[in-house]
Amino acid sequence: MMGSRGFLSARDATSKGLVGVYPAPDRPGLRVLSPIPEYLFAMKAISMRPADFTDHGQGRDMADLEQLRERTGLTDLAAALELVSEFYPDRRIPPRAALGLEELFKGS
């Protein structure tokens, strides 16, 4: 099983936003960064598990992608594929990911 490290994008360092600070913004302490929704969508799409999209959209990856689709405002397959390519320009989109994205945007 491959962890998420295998799916990091070359844009990883510039694709995170500050989501919290402790104890205060003007004092030294913990800074919490999280990947932006677009990066999460691309990472989730490229790492999609093969059996997930055959479950008629009920699998975990598809459920996560549906939520991220809404958060990113993606409305069609072409835009989704372009977004994935922006984060992973040197990677070919796996057939399972392309099929899963087709299922996600079916009827859009």
PDB file of N, CA and C in Angstrom:
ATOM      1  N   MET A   1       0.847  -1.186   0.000  1.00  0.00           N
ATOM      2  CA  MET A   1       0.000   0.000   0.000  1.00  0.00           C
ATOM      3  C   MET A   1       0.886   1.241   0.000  1.00  0.00           C
ATOM      4  N   MET A   2       0.578   2.170  -0.858  1.00  0.00           N
ATOM      5  CA  MET A   2       1.371   3.395  -0.969  1.00  0.00           C
ATOM      6  C   MET A   2       0.677   4.506  -0.178  1.00  0.00           C
ATOM      7  N   GLY A   3       1.446   5.212   0.640  1.00  0.00           N
ATOM      8  CA  GLY A   3       0.907   6.323   1.397  1.00  0.00           C
ATOM      9  C   GLY A   3       0.754   7.557   0.524  1.00  0.00           C
ATOM     10  N   SER A   4       0.239   8.619   1.111  1.00  0.00           N
ATOM     11  CA  SER A   4      -0.003   9.847   0.355  1.00  0.00           C
ATOM     12  C   SER A   4       1.281  10.489  -0.147  1.00  0.00           C
ATOM     13  N   ARG A   5       2.411  10.187   0.478  1.00  0.00           N
ATOM     14  CA  ARG A   5       3.685  10.773   0.041  1.00  0.00           C
ATOM     15  C   ARG A   5       3.946  10.476  -1.430  1.00  0.00           C
ATOM     16  N   GLY A   6       3.528   9.319  -1.908  1.00  0.00           N
ATOM     17  CA  GLY A   6       3.730   8.941  -3.299  1.00  0.00           C
ATOM     18  C   GLY A   6       2.908   9.770  -4.271  1.00  0.00           C
ATOM     19  N   PHE A   7       1.957  10.547  -3.753  1.00  0.00           N
ATOM     20  CA  PHE A   7       1.089  11.345  -4.616  1.00  0.00           C
ATOM     21  C   PHE A   7       1.304  12.846  -4.451  1.00  0.00           C
ATOM     22  N   LEU A   8       2.406  13.229  -3.784  1.00  0.00           N
ATOM     23  CA  LEU A   8       2.673  14.656  -3.637  1.00  0.00           C
ATOM     24  C   LEU A   8       2.996  15.267  -4.995  1.00  0.00           C
ATOM     25  N   SER A   9       2.489  16.451  -5.207  1.00  0.00           N
ATOM     26  CA  SER A   9       2.710  17.188  -6.443  1.00  0.00           C
ATOM     27  C   SER A   9       3.984  18.022  -6.323  1.00  0.00           C
ATOM     28  N   ALA A  10       4.587  18.334  -7.453  1.00  0.00           N
ATOM     29  CA  ALA A  10       5.729  19.240  -7.458  1.00  0.00           C
ATOM     30  C   ALA A  10       5.315  20.614  -6.922  1.00  0.00           C
ATOM     31  N   ARG A  11       4.014  20.917  -6.977  1.00  0.00           N
ATOM     32  CA  ARG A  11       3.496  22.187  -6.474  1.00  0.00           C
ATOM     33  C   ARG A  11       3.135  22.123  -4.993  1.00  0.00           C
ATOM     34  N   ASP A  12       3.478  21.036  -4.315  1.00  0.00           N
ATOM     35  CA  ASP A  12       3.081  20.818  -2.926  1.00  0.00           C
ATOM     36  C   ASP A  12       3.406  22.007  -2.025  1.00  0.00           C
ATOM     37  N   ALA A  13       4.602  22.536  -2.111  1.00  0.00           N
ATOM     38  CA  ALA A  13       5.035  23.610  -1.213  1.00  0.00           C
ATOM     39  C   ALA A  13       4.221  24.888  -1.371  1.00  0.00           C
ATOM     40  N   THR A  14       3.645  25.113  -2.545  1.00  0.00           N
ATOM     41  CA  THR A  14       2.882  26.345  -2.782  1.00  0.00           C
ATOM     42  C   THR A  14       1.381  26.107  -2.800  1.00  0.00           C
ATOM     43  N   SER A  15       0.949  24.928  -2.407  1.00  0.00           N
ATOM     44  CA  SER A  15      -0.471  24.580  -2.500  1.00  0.00           C
ATOM     45  C   SER A  15      -1.116  24.355  -1.144  1.00  0.00           C
ATOM     46  N   LYS A  16      -0.656  25.104  -0.165  1.00  0.00           N
ATOM     47  CA  LYS A  16      -1.202  24.980   1.182  1.00  0.00           C
ATOM     48  C   LYS A  16      -1.585  26.355   1.695  1.00  0.00           C
ATOM     49  N   GLY A  17      -2.572  26.377   2.570  1.00  0.00           N
ATOM     50  CA  GLY A  17      -3.003  27.620   3.187  1.00  0.00           C
ATOM     51  C   GLY A  17      -3.019  27.497   4.697  1.00  0.00           C
ATOM     52  N   LEU A  18      -2.824  28.598   5.373  1.00  0.00           N
ATOM     53  CA  LEU A  18      -2.832  28.637   6.829  1.00  0.00           C
ATOM     54  C   LEU A  18      -4.268  28.466   7.320  1.00  0.00           C
ATOM     55  N   VAL A  19      -4.488  27.507   8.208  1.00  0.00           N
ATOM     56  CA  VAL A  19      -5.835  27.290   8.737  1.00  0.00           C
ATOM     57  C   VAL A  19      -5.937  27.561  10.232  1.00  0.00           C
ATOM     58  N   GLY A  20      -4.803  27.762  10.890  1.00  0.00           N
ATOM     59  CA  GLY A  20      -4.873  28.052  12.305  1.00  0.00           C
ATOM     60  C   GLY A  20      -3.506  28.344  12.907  1.00  0.00           C
ATOM     61  N   VAL A  21      -3.523  29.075  14.031  1.00  0.00           N
ATOM     62  CA  VAL A  21      -2.292  29.381  14.751  1.00  0.00           C
ATOM     63  C   VAL A  21      -2.539  29.184  16.240  1.00  0.00           C
ATOM     64  N   TYR A  22      -1.465  28.820  16.951  1.00  0.00           N
ATOM     65  CA  TYR A  22      -1.565  28.650  18.392  1.00  0.00           C
ATOM     66  C   TYR A  22      -0.245  29.073  19.011  1.00  0.00           C
ATOM     67  N   PRO A  23      -0.181  29.855  19.997  1.00  0.00           N
ATOM     68  CA  PRO A  23      -1.288  30.374  20.796  1.00  0.00           C
ATOM     69  C   PRO A  23      -1.924  31.634  20.207  1.00  0.00           C
ATOM     70  N   ALA A  24      -1.171  32.393  19.372  1.00  0.00           N
ATOM     71  CA  ALA A  24      -1.731  33.610  18.778  1.00  0.00           C
ATOM     72  C   ALA A  24      -0.918  33.954  17.532  1.00  0.00           C
ATOM     73  N   PRO A  25      -1.546  34.655  16.551  1.00  0.00           N
ATOM     74  CA  PRO A  25      -0.845  34.989  15.316  1.00  0.00           C
ATOM     75  C   PRO A  25       0.423  35.819  15.517  1.00  0.00           C
ATOM     76  N   ASP A  26       0.463  36.640  16.554  1.00  0.00           N
ATOM     77  CA  ASP A  26       1.610  37.518  16.759  1.00  0.00           C
ATOM     78  C   ASP A  26       2.659  36.933  17.705  1.00  0.00           C
ATOM     79  N   ARG A  27       2.503  35.662  18.099  1.00  0.00           N
ATOM     80  CA  ARG A  27       3.453  35.021  18.999  1.00  0.00           C
ATOM     81  C   ARG A  27       3.996  33.747  18.364  1.00  0.00           C
ATOM     82  N   PRO A  28       5.222  33.372  18.697  1.00  0.00           N
ATOM     83  CA  PRO A  28       5.756  32.111  18.183  1.00  0.00           C
ATOM     84  C   PRO A  28       4.892  30.946  18.660  1.00  0.00           C
ATOM     85  N   GLY A  29       4.787  29.952  17.833  1.00  0.00           N
ATOM     86  CA  GLY A  29       4.001  28.787  18.221  1.00  0.00           C
ATOM     87  C   GLY A  29       3.677  27.918  17.015  1.00  0.00           C
ATOM     88  N   LEU A  30       2.632  27.186  17.121  1.00  0.00           N
ATOM     89  CA  LEU A  30       2.205  26.240  16.101  1.00  0.00           C
ATOM     90  C   LEU A  30       1.442  26.938  14.973  1.00  0.00           C
ATOM     91  N   ARG A  31       1.802  26.639  13.750  1.00  0.00           N
ATOM     92  CA  ARG A  31       1.090  27.122  12.568  1.00  0.00           C
ATOM     93  C   ARG A  31       0.573  25.900  11.826  1.00  0.00           C
ATOM     94  N   VAL A  32      -0.712  25.846  11.572  1.00  0.00           N
ATOM     95  CA  VAL A  32      -1.317  24.690  10.920  1.00  0.00           C
ATOM     96  C   VAL A  32      -1.620  25.032   9.469  1.00  0.00           C
ATOM     97  N   LEU A  33      -1.034  24.241   8.556  1.00  0.00           N
ATOM     98  CA  LEU A  33      -1.257  24.422   7.130  1.00  0.00           C
ATOM     99  C   LEU A  33      -2.053  23.232   6.607  1.00  0.00           C
ATOM    100  N   SER A  34      -2.880  23.497   5.624  1.00  0.00           N
ATOM    101  CA  SER A  34      -3.673  22.442   5.000  1.00  0.00           C
ATOM    102  C   SER A  34      -3.626  22.627   3.487  1.00  0.00           C
ATOM    103  N   PRO A  35      -3.622  21.523   2.732  1.00  0.00           N
ATOM    104  CA  PRO A  35      -3.664  21.651   1.271  1.00  0.00           C
ATOM    105  C   PRO A  35      -4.932  22.379   0.838  1.00  0.00           C
ATOM    106  N   ILE A  36      -4.822  23.186  -0.208  1.00  0.00           N
ATOM    107  CA  ILE A  36      -5.995  23.866  -0.738  1.00  0.00           C
ATOM    108  C   ILE A  36      -6.924  22.827  -1.377  1.00  0.00           C
ATOM    109  N   PRO A  37      -8.226  23.098  -1.463  1.00  0.00           N
ATOM    110  CA  PRO A  37      -9.181  22.119  -2.008  1.00  0.00           C
ATOM    111  C   PRO A  37      -8.824  21.627  -3.414  1.00  0.00           C
ATOM    112  N   GLU A  38      -8.286  22.508  -4.257  1.00  0.00           N
ATOM    113  CA  GLU A  38      -7.921  22.108  -5.621  1.00  0.00           C
ATOM    114  C   GLU A  38      -6.835  21.032  -5.607  1.00  0.00           C
ATOM    115  N   TYR A  39      -5.863  21.201  -4.709  1.00  0.00           N
ATOM    116  CA  TYR A  39      -4.788  20.219  -4.587  1.00  0.00           C
ATOM    117  C   TYR A  39      -5.336  18.894  -4.053  1.00  0.00           C
ATOM    118  N   LEU A  40      -6.198  18.965  -3.060  1.00  0.00           N
ATOM    119  CA  LEU A  40      -6.801  17.746  -2.525  1.00  0.00           C
ATOM    120  C   LEU A  40      -7.604  17.011  -3.597  1.00  0.00           C
ATOM    121  N   PHE A  41      -8.343  17.764  -4.418  1.00  0.00           N
ATOM    122  CA  PHE A  41      -9.120  17.145  -5.493  1.00  0.00           C
ATOM    123  C   PHE A  41      -8.190  16.412  -6.452  1.00  0.00           C
ATOM    124  N   ALA A  42      -7.126  17.088  -6.881  1.00  0.00           N
ATOM    125  CA  ALA A  42      -6.192  16.477  -7.835  1.00  0.00           C
ATOM    126  C   ALA A  42      -5.523  15.251  -7.230  1.00  0.00           C
ATOM    127  N   MET A  43      -5.096  15.346  -5.965  1.00  0.00           N
ATOM    128  CA  MET A  43      -4.441  14.226  -5.312  1.00  0.00           C
ATOM    129  C   MET A  43      -5.400  13.047  -5.157  1.00  0.00           C
ATOM    130  N   LYS A  44      -6.626  13.323  -4.763  1.00  0.00           N
ATOM    131  CA  LYS A  44      -7.621  12.269  -4.577  1.00  0.00           C
ATOM    132  C   LYS A  44      -7.957  11.617  -5.915  1.00  0.00           C
ATOM    133  N   ALA A  45      -8.033  12.415  -6.960  1.00  0.00           N
ATOM    134  CA  ALA A  45      -8.352  11.872  -8.288  1.00  0.00           C
ATOM    135  C   ALA A  45      -7.228  10.977  -8.797  1.00  0.00           C
ATOM    136  N   ILE A  46      -5.996  11.430  -8.677  1.00  0.00           N
ATOM    137  CA  ILE A  46      -4.866  10.677  -9.232  1.00  0.00           C
ATOM    138  C   ILE A  46      -4.619   9.391  -8.437  1.00  0.00           C
ATOM    139  N   SER A  47      -5.023   9.371  -7.171  1.00  0.00           N
ATOM    140  CA  SER A  47      -4.776   8.205  -6.324  1.00  0.00           C
ATOM    141  C   SER A  47      -6.009   7.317  -6.155  1.00  0.00           C
ATOM    142  N   MET A  48      -7.048   7.588  -6.932  1.00  0.00           N
ATOM    143  CA  MET A  48      -8.311   6.863  -6.787  1.00  0.00           C
ATOM    144  C   MET A  48      -8.114   5.354  -6.819  1.00  0.00           C
ATOM    145  N   ARG A  49      -8.741   4.673  -5.884  1.00  0.00           N
ATOM    146  CA  ARG A  49      -8.665   3.224  -5.826  1.00  0.00           C
ATOM    147  C   ARG A  49      -9.584   2.621  -6.879  1.00  0.00           C
ATOM    148  N   PRO A  50      -9.124   1.580  -7.566  1.00  0.00           N
ATOM    149  CA  PRO A  50      -9.864   1.004  -8.698  1.00  0.00           C
ATOM    150  C   PRO A  50     -11.304   0.609  -8.404  1.00  0.00           C
ATOM    151  N   ALA A  51     -11.572  -0.033  -7.304  1.00  0.00           N
ATOM    152  CA  ALA A  51     -12.919  -0.530  -7.039  1.00  0.00           C
ATOM    153  C   ALA A  51     -13.861   0.568  -6.581  1.00  0.00           C
ATOM    154  N   ASP A  52     -13.338   1.712  -6.225  1.00  0.00           N
ATOM    155  CA  ASP A  52     -14.161   2.731  -5.600  1.00  0.00           C
ATOM    156  C   ASP A  52     -15.257   3.266  -6.512  1.00  0.00           C
ATOM    157  N   PHE A  53     -14.942   3.564  -7.770  1.00  0.00           N
ATOM    158  CA  PHE A  53     -15.948   4.190  -8.618  1.00  0.00           C
ATOM    159  C   PHE A  53     -16.947   3.192  -9.177  1.00  0.00           C
ATOM    160  N   THR A  54     -16.722   1.901  -8.996  1.00  0.00           N
ATOM    161  CA  THR A  54     -17.695   0.917  -9.464  1.00  0.00           C
ATOM    162  C   THR A  54     -18.854   0.773  -8.491  1.00  0.00           C
ATOM    163  N   ASP A  55     -18.759   1.451  -7.364  1.00  0.00           N
ATOM    164  CA  ASP A  55     -19.787   1.374  -6.328  1.00  0.00           C
ATOM    165  C   ASP A  55     -20.857   2.451  -6.536  1.00  0.00           C
ATOM    166  N   HIS A  56     -21.044   2.890  -7.767  1.00  0.00           N
ATOM    167  CA  HIS A  56     -22.058   3.898  -8.125  1.00  0.00           C
ATOM    168  C   HIS A  56     -21.945   5.168  -7.281  1.00  0.00           C
ATOM    169  N   GLY A  57     -20.706   5.594  -7.081  1.00  0.00           N
ATOM    170  CA  GLY A  57     -20.496   6.854  -6.377  1.00  0.00           C
ATOM    171  C   GLY A  57     -20.588   6.760  -4.873  1.00  0.00           C
ATOM    172  N   GLN A  58     -20.733   5.572  -4.326  1.00  0.00           N
ATOM    173  CA  GLN A  58     -20.890   5.443  -2.880  1.00  0.00           C
ATOM    174  C   GLN A  58     -19.579   5.189  -2.146  1.00  0.00           C
ATOM    175  N   GLY A  59     -18.488   4.943  -2.876  1.00  0.00           N
ATOM    176  CA  GLY A  59     -17.202   4.679  -2.231  1.00  0.00           C
ATOM    177  C   GLY A  59     -16.616   5.928  -1.610  1.00  0.00           C
ATOM    178  N   ARG A  60     -15.638   5.732  -0.758  1.00  0.00           N
ATOM    179  CA  ARG A  60     -15.037   6.849  -0.027  1.00  0.00           C
ATOM    180  C   ARG A  60     -14.362   7.863  -0.950  1.00  0.00           C
ATOM    181  N   ASP A  61     -13.579   7.385  -1.912  1.00  0.00           N
ATOM    182  CA  ASP A  61     -12.920   8.323  -2.820  1.00  0.00           C
ATOM    183  C   ASP A  61     -13.947   9.161  -3.577  1.00  0.00           C
ATOM    184  N   MET A  62     -14.979   8.518  -4.070  1.00  0.00           N
ATOM    185  CA  MET A  62     -15.995   9.258  -4.829  1.00  0.00           C
ATOM    186  C   MET A  62     -16.728  10.256  -3.935  1.00  0.00           C
ATOM    187  N   ALA A  63     -17.022   9.866  -2.714  1.00  0.00           N
ATOM    188  CA  ALA A  63     -17.691  10.787  -1.788  1.00  0.00           C
ATOM    189  C   ALA A  63     -16.797  11.991  -1.497  1.00  0.00           C
ATOM    190  N   ASP A  64     -15.515  11.730  -1.279  1.00  0.00           N
ATOM    191  CA  ASP A  64     -14.573  12.834  -1.041  1.00  0.00           C
ATOM    192  C   ASP A  64     -14.472  13.731  -2.269  1.00  0.00           C
ATOM    193  N   LEU A  65     -14.383  13.122  -3.450  1.00  0.00           N
ATOM    194  CA  LEU A  65     -14.280  13.911  -4.682  1.00  0.00           C
ATOM    195  C   LEU A  65     -15.533  14.749  -4.914  1.00  0.00           C
ATOM    196  N   GLU A  66     -16.682  14.212  -4.586  1.00  0.00           N
ATOM    197  CA  GLU A  66     -17.933  14.968  -4.735  1.00  0.00           C
ATOM    198  C   GLU A  66     -17.907  16.212  -3.857  1.00  0.00           C
ATOM    199  N   GLN A  67     -17.478  16.059  -2.612  1.00  0.00           N
ATOM    200  CA  GLN A  67     -17.383  17.222  -1.713  1.00  0.00           C
ATOM    201  C   GLN A  67     -16.348  18.222  -2.219  1.00  0.00           C
ATOM    202  N   LEU A  68     -15.219  17.722  -2.682  1.00  0.00           N
ATOM    203  CA  LEU A  68     -14.174  18.617  -3.193  1.00  0.00           C
ATOM    204  C   LEU A  68     -14.606  19.281  -4.495  1.00  0.00           C
ATOM    205  N   ARG A  69     -15.389  18.581  -5.302  1.00  0.00           N
ATOM    206  CA  ARG A  69     -15.921  19.180  -6.537  1.00  0.00           C
ATOM    207  C   ARG A  69     -16.764  20.401  -6.186  1.00  0.00           C
ATOM    208  N   GLU A  70     -17.593  20.262  -5.164  1.00  0.00           N
ATOM    209  CA  GLU A  70     -18.426  21.388  -4.730  1.00  0.00           C
ATOM    210  C   GLU A  70     -17.575  22.524  -4.162  1.00  0.00           C
ATOM    211  N   ARG A  71     -16.561  22.189  -3.363  1.00  0.00           N
ATOM    212  CA  ARG A  71     -15.692  23.211  -2.758  1.00  0.00           C
ATOM    213  C   ARG A  71     -14.878  23.970  -3.794  1.00  0.00           C
ATOM    214  N   THR A  72     -14.480  23.286  -4.879  1.00  0.00           N
ATOM    215  CA  THR A  72     -13.649  23.921  -5.903  1.00  0.00           C
ATOM    216  C   THR A  72     -14.467  24.607  -6.988  1.00  0.00           C
ATOM    217  N   GLY A  73     -15.746  24.266  -7.072  1.00  0.00           N
ATOM    218  CA  GLY A  73     -16.587  24.858  -8.107  1.00  0.00           C
ATOM    219  C   GLY A  73     -16.420  24.215  -9.474  1.00  0.00           C
ATOM    220  N   LEU A  74     -15.792  23.057  -9.533  1.00  0.00           N
ATOM    221  CA  LEU A  74     -15.632  22.364 -10.817  1.00  0.00           C
ATOM    222  C   LEU A  74     -16.999  21.925 -11.330  1.00  0.00           C
ATOM    223  N   THR A  75     -17.233  22.165 -12.624  1.00  0.00           N
ATOM    224  CA  THR A  75     -18.548  21.847 -13.175  1.00  0.00           C
ATOM    225  C   THR A  75     -18.519  20.838 -14.313  1.00  0.00           C
ATOM    226  N   ASP A  76     -17.324  20.525 -14.832  1.00  0.00           N
ATOM    227  CA  ASP A  76     -17.286  19.563 -15.940  1.00  0.00           C
ATOM    228  C   ASP A  76     -15.995  18.761 -15.943  1.00  0.00           C
ATOM    229  N   LEU A  77     -16.024  17.670 -16.679  1.00  0.00           N
ATOM    230  CA  LEU A  77     -14.909  16.743 -16.741  1.00  0.00           C
ATOM    231  C   LEU A  77     -13.643  17.398 -17.282  1.00  0.00           C
ATOM    232  N   ALA A  78     -13.775  18.197 -18.324  1.00  0.00           N
ATOM    233  CA  ALA A  78     -12.600  18.836 -18.930  1.00  0.00           C
ATOM    234  C   ALA A  78     -11.865  19.706 -17.915  1.00  0.00           C
ATOM    235  N   ALA A  79     -12.607  20.479 -17.136  1.00  0.00           N
ATOM    236  CA  ALA A  79     -11.991  21.343 -16.120  1.00  0.00           C
ATOM    237  C   ALA A  79     -11.317  20.499 -15.037  1.00  0.00           C
ATOM    238  N   ALA A  80     -11.930  19.388 -14.674  1.00  0.00           N
ATOM    239  CA  ALA A  80     -11.346  18.509 -13.651  1.00  0.00           C
ATOM    240  C   ALA A  80     -10.040  17.894 -14.151  1.00  0.00           C
ATOM    241  N   LEU A  81     -10.033  17.407 -15.378  1.00  0.00           N
ATOM    242  CA  LEU A  81      -8.820  16.821 -15.945  1.00  0.00           C
ATOM    243  C   LEU A  81      -7.713  17.862 -16.073  1.00  0.00           C
ATOM    244  N   GLU A  82      -8.082  19.073 -16.435  1.00  0.00           N
ATOM    245  CA  GLU A  82      -7.103  20.152 -16.534  1.00  0.00           C
ATOM    246  C   GLU A  82      -6.511  20.478 -15.161  1.00  0.00           C
ATOM    247  N   LEU A  83      -7.354  20.496 -14.136  1.00  0.00           N
ATOM    248  CA  LEU A  83      -6.882  20.766 -12.782  1.00  0.00           C
ATOM    249  C   LEU A  83      -5.896  19.682 -12.329  1.00  0.00           C
ATOM    250  N   VAL A  84      -6.229  18.435 -12.562  1.00  0.00           N
ATOM    251  CA  VAL A  84      -5.334  17.341 -12.189  1.00  0.00           C
ATOM    252  C   VAL A  84      -3.995  17.495 -12.921  1.00  0.00           C
ATOM    253  N   SER A  85      -4.051  17.856 -14.197  1.00  0.00           N
ATOM    254  CA  SER A  85      -2.826  18.038 -14.988  1.00  0.00           C
ATOM    255  C   SER A  85      -1.981  19.208 -14.499  1.00  0.00           C
ATOM    256  N   GLU A  86      -2.615  20.237 -13.934  1.00  0.00           N
ATOM    257  CA  GLU A  86      -1.866  21.371 -13.387  1.00  0.00           C
ATOM    258  C   GLU A  86      -1.000  20.939 -12.208  1.00  0.00           C
ATOM    259  N   PHE A  87      -1.517  20.042 -11.388  1.00  0.00           N
ATOM    260  CA  PHE A  87      -0.771  19.583 -10.221  1.00  0.00           C
ATOM    261  C   PHE A  87       0.170  18.431 -10.553  1.00  0.00           C
ATOM    262  N   TYR A  88      -0.160  17.675 -11.582  1.00  0.00           N
ATOM    263  CA  TYR A  88       0.649  16.521 -11.970  1.00  0.00           C
ATOM    264  C   TYR A  88       0.969  16.573 -13.464  1.00  0.00           C
ATOM    265  N   PRO A  89       1.712  17.591 -13.905  1.00  0.00           N
ATOM    266  CA  PRO A  89       1.965  17.762 -15.340  1.00  0.00           C
ATOM    267  C   PRO A  89       2.805  16.649 -15.959  1.00  0.00           C
ATOM    268  N   ASP A  90       3.624  15.997 -15.166  1.00  0.00           N
ATOM    269  CA  ASP A  90       4.498  14.954 -15.700  1.00  0.00           C
ATOM    270  C   ASP A  90       3.920  13.553 -15.554  1.00  0.00           C
ATOM    271  N   ARG A  91       2.727  13.459 -15.023  1.00  0.00           N
ATOM    272  CA  ARG A  91       2.099  12.160 -14.820  1.00  0.00           C
ATOM    273  C   ARG A  91       0.935  11.971 -15.779  1.00  0.00           C
ATOM    274  N   ARG A  92       0.840  10.789 -16.312  1.00  0.00           N
ATOM    275  CA  ARG A  92      -0.325  10.429 -17.115  1.00  0.00           C
ATOM    276  C   ARG A  92      -1.456  10.100 -16.142  1.00  0.00           C
ATOM    277  N   ILE A  93      -2.637  10.606 -16.416  1.00  0.00           N
ATOM    278  CA  ILE A  93      -3.775  10.323 -15.545  1.00  0.00           C
ATOM    279  C   ILE A  93      -4.138   8.851 -15.724  1.00  0.00           C
ATOM    280  N   PRO A  94      -4.099   8.066 -14.644  1.00  0.00           N
ATOM    281  CA  PRO A  94      -4.393   6.640 -14.771  1.00  0.00           C
ATOM    282  C   PRO A  94      -5.817   6.411 -15.305  1.00  0.00           C
ATOM    283  N   PRO A  95      -6.002   5.350 -16.080  1.00  0.00           N
ATOM    284  CA  PRO A  95      -7.344   5.064 -16.608  1.00  0.00           C
ATOM    285  C   PRO A  95      -8.406   4.982 -15.518  1.00  0.00           C
ATOM    286  N   ARG A  96      -8.082   4.405 -14.361  1.00  0.00           N
ATOM    287  CA  ARG A  96      -9.073   4.306 -13.278  1.00  0.00           C
ATOM    288  C   ARG A  96      -9.500   5.690 -12.809  1.00  0.00           C
ATOM    289  N   ALA A  97      -8.549   6.650 -12.801  1.00  0.00           N
ATOM    290  CA  ALA A  97      -8.878   8.007 -12.385  1.00  0.00           C
ATOM    291  C   ALA A  97      -9.754   8.687 -13.430  1.00  0.00           C
ATOM    292  N   ALA A  98      -9.416   8.503 -14.698  1.00  0.00           N
ATOM    293  CA  ALA A  98     -10.223   9.095 -15.768  1.00  0.00           C
ATOM    294  C   ALA A  98     -11.651   8.541 -15.740  1.00  0.00           C
ATOM    295  N   LEU A  99     -11.781   7.233 -15.535  1.00  0.00           N
ATOM    296  CA  LEU A  99     -13.115   6.626 -15.462  1.00  0.00           C
ATOM    297  C   LEU A  99     -13.884   7.132 -14.247  1.00  0.00           C
ATOM    298  N   GLY A 100     -13.202   7.258 -13.116  1.00  0.00           N
ATOM    299  CA  GLY A 100     -13.848   7.770 -11.915  1.00  0.00           C
ATOM    300  C   GLY A 100     -14.321   9.203 -12.089  1.00  0.00           C
ATOM    301  N   LEU A 101     -13.503  10.032 -12.726  1.00  0.00           N
ATOM    302  CA  LEU A 101     -13.905  11.420 -12.968  1.00  0.00           C
ATOM    303  C   LEU A 101     -15.049  11.494 -13.959  1.00  0.00           C
ATOM    304  N   GLU A 102     -15.039  10.624 -14.963  1.00  0.00           N
ATOM    305  CA  GLU A 102     -16.183  10.570 -15.896  1.00  0.00           C
ATOM    306  C   GLU A 102     -17.471  10.265 -15.135  1.00  0.00           C
ATOM    307  N   GLU A 103     -17.395   9.300 -14.232  1.00  0.00           N
ATOM    308  CA  GLU A 103     -18.569   8.937 -13.413  1.00  0.00           C
ATOM    309  C   GLU A 103     -19.004  10.123 -12.561  1.00  0.00           C
ATOM    310  N   LEU A 104     -18.048  10.825 -11.969  1.00  0.00           N
ATOM    311  CA  LEU A 104     -18.349  11.951 -11.086  1.00  0.00           C
ATOM    312  C   LEU A 104     -19.065  13.077 -11.841  1.00  0.00           C
ATOM    313  N   PHE A 105     -18.685  13.293 -13.090  1.00  0.00           N
ATOM    314  CA  PHE A 105     -19.266  14.410 -13.852  1.00  0.00           C
ATOM    315  C   PHE A 105     -20.339  13.947 -14.841  1.00  0.00           C
ATOM    316  N   LYS A 106     -20.758  12.699 -14.747  1.00  0.00           N
ATOM    317  CA  LYS A 106     -21.798  12.187 -15.641  1.00  0.00           C
ATOM    318  C   LYS A 106     -23.052  13.054 -15.489  1.00  0.00           C
ATOM    319  N   GLY A 107     -23.550  13.514 -16.619  1.00  0.00           N
ATOM    320  CA  GLY A 107     -24.739  14.356 -16.589  1.00  0.00           C
ATOM    321  C   GLY A 107     -24.449  15.833 -16.380  1.00  0.00           C
ATOM    322  N   SER A 108     -23.178  16.184 -16.238  1.00  0.00           N
ATOM    323  CA  SER A 108     -22.830  17.607 -16.042  1.00  0.00           C
ATOM    324  C   SER A 108     -22.612  18.296 -17.354  1.00  0.00           C
TER     325      SER A 108
END
